Amino acid sequence: MKDLTTERLTLKKMHDSDTDGLFALWSDPAVTEFMNIPAFKDVAQAREMIRLLTSLAEEMKAQRYTIHLKGSGKIIGSCGYNVLDFTNQKTELGYELAKEHWGKGYATEAIRTLVNYAFTELDMHRIEAKVEPQNRNSIRLLQKLGFIFEGTLRDAEKAKGEFVDLAMYARLRTD
């Protein structure tokens, strides 16, 4: 998969050199509030996560990008395909953005690009996003991008030691 660009952002494949920038992101409790991982306490955790995500990308099972502001090169988030299922032509999105960049349209810009790439370049038919029902900002983003609420998956995931419900949103190529 190739790097992707938008008007204000560059989405780059994740590398070990991104460790410090991603640690800053993943160590912020505000950012990880609705993620299934606790805020990182040690930079080694970020390095391990990058290596895991890189391994999944090499096997074409997933793909994660760092989100950079054009011109600055600063990592402001990450996004990508948590699952790539080419047999069933579907994928699942995941994303997070540094708190200081919330509300500026960056997440919408990045996720719109992932959606377009999945449909046009990866030949996906269905894109899913699972979000905790309390994560109103993420739900608004998905609705803005044409995702449809399909139902609640009860106790669908264990996050930070507790089972949580997940709201299933999806968009089809034909939507």
Protein backbone atom coordinates (compact mmCIF):
# COMPACT_ATOMS: atom_id res chain seq x y z
CA MET A 1 0.00 0.00 0.00
CA LYS A 2 1.12 3.48 -0.76
CA ASP A 3 1.23 6.64 1.31
CA LEU A 4 -1.85 8.83 0.89
CA THR A 5 -2.20 12.60 0.73
CA THR A 6 -5.03 15.04 1.29
CA GLU A 7 -5.23 18.81 1.09
CA ARG A 8 -3.65 19.28 4.54
CA LEU A 9 -2.37 15.84 5.53
CA THR A 10 -0.04 13.03 4.58
CA LEU A 11 -0.88 9.49 5.68
CA LYS A 12 2.34 7.48 5.86
CA LYS A 13 2.99 3.83 6.54
CA MET A 14 4.15 3.34 10.10
CA HIS A 15 7.88 2.91 10.82
CA ASP A 16 10.09 2.44 13.88
CA SER A 17 11.20 6.07 13.46
CA ASP A 18 7.63 7.10 14.43
CA THR A 19 8.02 5.72 17.96
CA ASP A 20 8.36 9.03 19.82
CA GLY A 21 5.51 10.72 17.96
CA LEU A 22 3.18 7.77 18.45
CA PHE A 23 4.14 7.40 22.10
CA ALA A 24 3.11 11.03 22.63
CA LEU A 25 -0.24 10.19 21.05
CA TRP A 26 -0.87 6.83 22.72
CA SER A 27 0.25 7.99 26.17
CA ASP A 28 -2.50 10.63 26.36
CA PRO A 29 -5.50 9.32 28.37
CA ALA A 30 -7.84 11.66 26.45
CA VAL A 31 -6.78 10.02 23.17
CA THR A 32 -6.97 6.44 24.46
CA GLU A 33 -10.26 6.91 26.36
CA PHE A 34 -12.26 4.95 23.78
CA MET A 35 -9.46 2.67 22.58
CA ASN A 36 -9.11 -0.91 23.79
CA ILE A 37 -5.66 -0.15 25.20
CA PRO A 38 -4.72 1.85 28.29
CA ALA A 39 -2.59 4.96 27.86
CA PHE A 40 1.01 3.87 27.34
CA LYS A 41 3.45 4.50 30.19
CA ASP A 42 6.69 3.56 28.41
CA VAL A 43 8.03 4.35 24.96
CA ALA A 44 8.82 0.64 24.53
CA GLN A 45 5.07 -0.02 24.35
CA ALA A 46 4.80 2.22 21.29
CA ARG A 47 7.76 0.46 19.68
CA GLU A 48 6.11 -2.93 20.27
CA MET A 49 2.79 -1.71 18.86
CA ILE A 50 4.49 -0.35 15.73
CA ARG A 51 6.24 -3.69 15.20
CA LEU A 52 2.97 -5.59 15.62
CA LEU A 53 1.16 -3.30 13.16
CA THR A 54 4.07 -3.51 10.70
CA SER A 55 3.96 -7.31 10.87
CA LEU A 56 0.21 -7.32 10.18
CA ALA A 57 0.76 -4.96 7.24
CA GLU A 58 3.45 -7.22 5.77
CA GLU A 59 0.95 -10.10 5.92
CA MET A 60 -1.74 -7.87 4.32
CA LYS A 61 -4.00 -8.43 7.34
CA ALA A 62 -4.10 -4.76 8.39
CA GLN A 63 -2.55 -1.39 7.52
CA ARG A 64 -1.93 1.53 9.87
CA TYR A 65 -0.81 5.00 8.84
CA THR A 66 0.62 7.90 10.78
CA ILE A 67 -1.20 11.17 10.12
CA HIS A 68 1.15 14.11 9.47
CA LEU A 69 0.39 17.77 8.92
CA LYS A 70 1.72 18.69 5.49
CA GLY A 71 4.78 20.87 5.73
CA SER A 72 5.51 20.21 9.39
CA GLY A 73 6.00 16.45 9.34
CA LYS A 74 4.53 16.33 12.86
CA ILE A 75 2.55 13.21 13.72
CA ILE A 76 -0.93 14.28 14.84
CA GLY A 77 -2.63 10.89 14.81
CA SER A 78 -2.90 7.46 13.28
CA CYS A 79 -5.53 5.72 11.22
CA GLY A 80 -5.94 2.69 9.07
CA TYR A 81 -7.55 -0.60 8.34
CA ASN A 82 -7.68 -2.75 11.50
CA VAL A 83 -8.72 -5.75 9.44
CA LEU A 84 -8.30 -6.38 5.72
CA ASP A 85 -10.59 -9.18 4.50
CA PHE A 86 -10.01 -9.45 0.75
CA THR A 87 -12.04 -12.67 0.47
CA ASN A 88 -15.20 -10.91 1.64
CA GLN A 89 -14.12 -7.50 0.31
CA LYS A 90 -14.49 -5.75 3.64
CA THR A 91 -12.34 -3.81 6.05
CA GLU A 92 -12.62 -2.18 9.45
CA LEU A 93 -11.45 1.37 10.17
CA GLY A 94 -9.64 2.63 13.23
CA TYR A 95 -8.34 6.11 14.02
CA GLU A 96 -7.25 8.52 16.72
CA LEU A 97 -6.07 12.11 16.72
CA ALA A 98 -4.02 14.16 19.19
CA LYS A 99 -6.35 16.18 21.41
CA GLU A 100 -4.95 19.55 20.32
CA HIS A 101 -6.08 18.77 16.76
CA TRP A 102 -9.67 17.79 17.56
CA GLY A 103 -12.41 19.82 15.91
CA LYS A 104 -10.35 21.02 12.94
CA GLY A 105 -11.64 18.54 10.36
CA TYR A 106 -8.42 16.52 10.18
CA ALA A 107 -10.06 13.23 11.17
CA THR A 108 -12.79 13.72 8.57
CA GLU A 109 -10.17 14.46 5.91
CA ALA A 110 -8.06 11.42 6.81
CA ILE A 111 -10.95 8.95 7.10
CA ARG A 112 -12.59 10.18 3.89
CA THR A 113 -9.30 9.39 2.13
CA LEU A 114 -9.16 5.89 3.68
CA VAL A 115 -12.75 5.23 2.60
CA ASN A 116 -12.08 6.33 -0.98
CA TYR A 117 -8.87 4.30 -1.14
CA ALA A 118 -10.61 1.18 0.21
CA PHE A 119 -13.37 1.36 -2.39
CA THR A 120 -11.30 2.41 -5.41
CA GLU A 121 -7.86 0.84 -4.89
CA LEU A 122 -8.48 -2.09 -2.55
CA ASP A 123 -11.76 -3.10 -4.23
CA MET A 124 -13.61 -3.31 -0.93
CA HIS A 125 -17.40 -3.61 -0.89
CA ARG A 126 -17.98 -2.93 2.83
CA ILE A 127 -16.22 -0.72 5.38
CA GLU A 128 -17.01 -1.18 9.06
CA ALA A 129 -16.29 0.90 12.13
CA LYS A 130 -16.99 -0.24 15.67
CA VAL A 131 -17.26 2.52 18.22
CA GLU A 132 -18.20 2.73 21.88
CA PRO A 133 -21.67 4.34 22.06
CA GLN A 134 -20.33 7.07 24.40
CA ASN A 135 -17.82 8.23 21.76
CA ARG A 136 -20.09 10.90 20.29
CA ASN A 137 -17.33 12.63 18.28
CA SER A 138 -16.46 9.43 16.44
CA ILE A 139 -20.12 8.66 15.78
CA ARG A 140 -20.66 12.16 14.31
CA LEU A 141 -17.61 11.67 12.07
CA LEU A 142 -18.90 8.34 10.76
CA GLN A 143 -22.38 9.74 10.13
CA LYS A 144 -20.90 12.73 8.29
CA LEU A 145 -19.07 10.28 6.00
CA GLY A 146 -22.23 8.30 5.20
CA PHE A 147 -21.83 5.37 7.58
CA ILE A 148 -25.07 3.73 8.71
CA PHE A 149 -25.71 2.50 12.26
CA GLU A 150 -26.44 -1.24 12.06
CA GLY A 151 -26.83 -2.15 15.72
CA THR A 152 -25.10 -2.60 19.04
CA LEU A 153 -22.74 -5.49 19.66
CA ARG A 154 -23.24 -6.25 23.36
CA ASP A 155 -20.10 -6.84 25.46
CA ALA A 156 -18.26 -7.16 22.15
CA GLU A 157 -14.77 -6.28 23.32
CA LYS A 158 -12.72 -6.24 26.47
CA ALA A 159 -11.22 -2.79 26.93
CA LYS A 160 -9.07 -1.95 29.93
CA GLY A 161 -10.31 -5.03 31.76
CA GLU A 162 -14.03 -4.42 31.21
CA PHE A 163 -16.44 -5.68 28.57
CA VAL A 164 -17.85 -2.84 26.47
CA ASP A 165 -20.63 -2.56 23.93
CA LEU A 166 -19.72 -1.47 20.43
CA ALA A 167 -21.98 0.34 17.99
CA MET A 168 -21.54 -1.08 14.50
CA TYR A 169 -21.45 1.43 11.67
CA ALA A 170 -20.87 0.46 8.05
CA ARG A 171 -20.79 1.89 4.59
CA LEU A 172 -21.17 -0.06 1.37
CA ARG A 173 -19.64 0.88 -1.93
CA THR A 174 -23.21 1.11 -3.25
CA ASP A 175 -24.33 3.61 -0.55
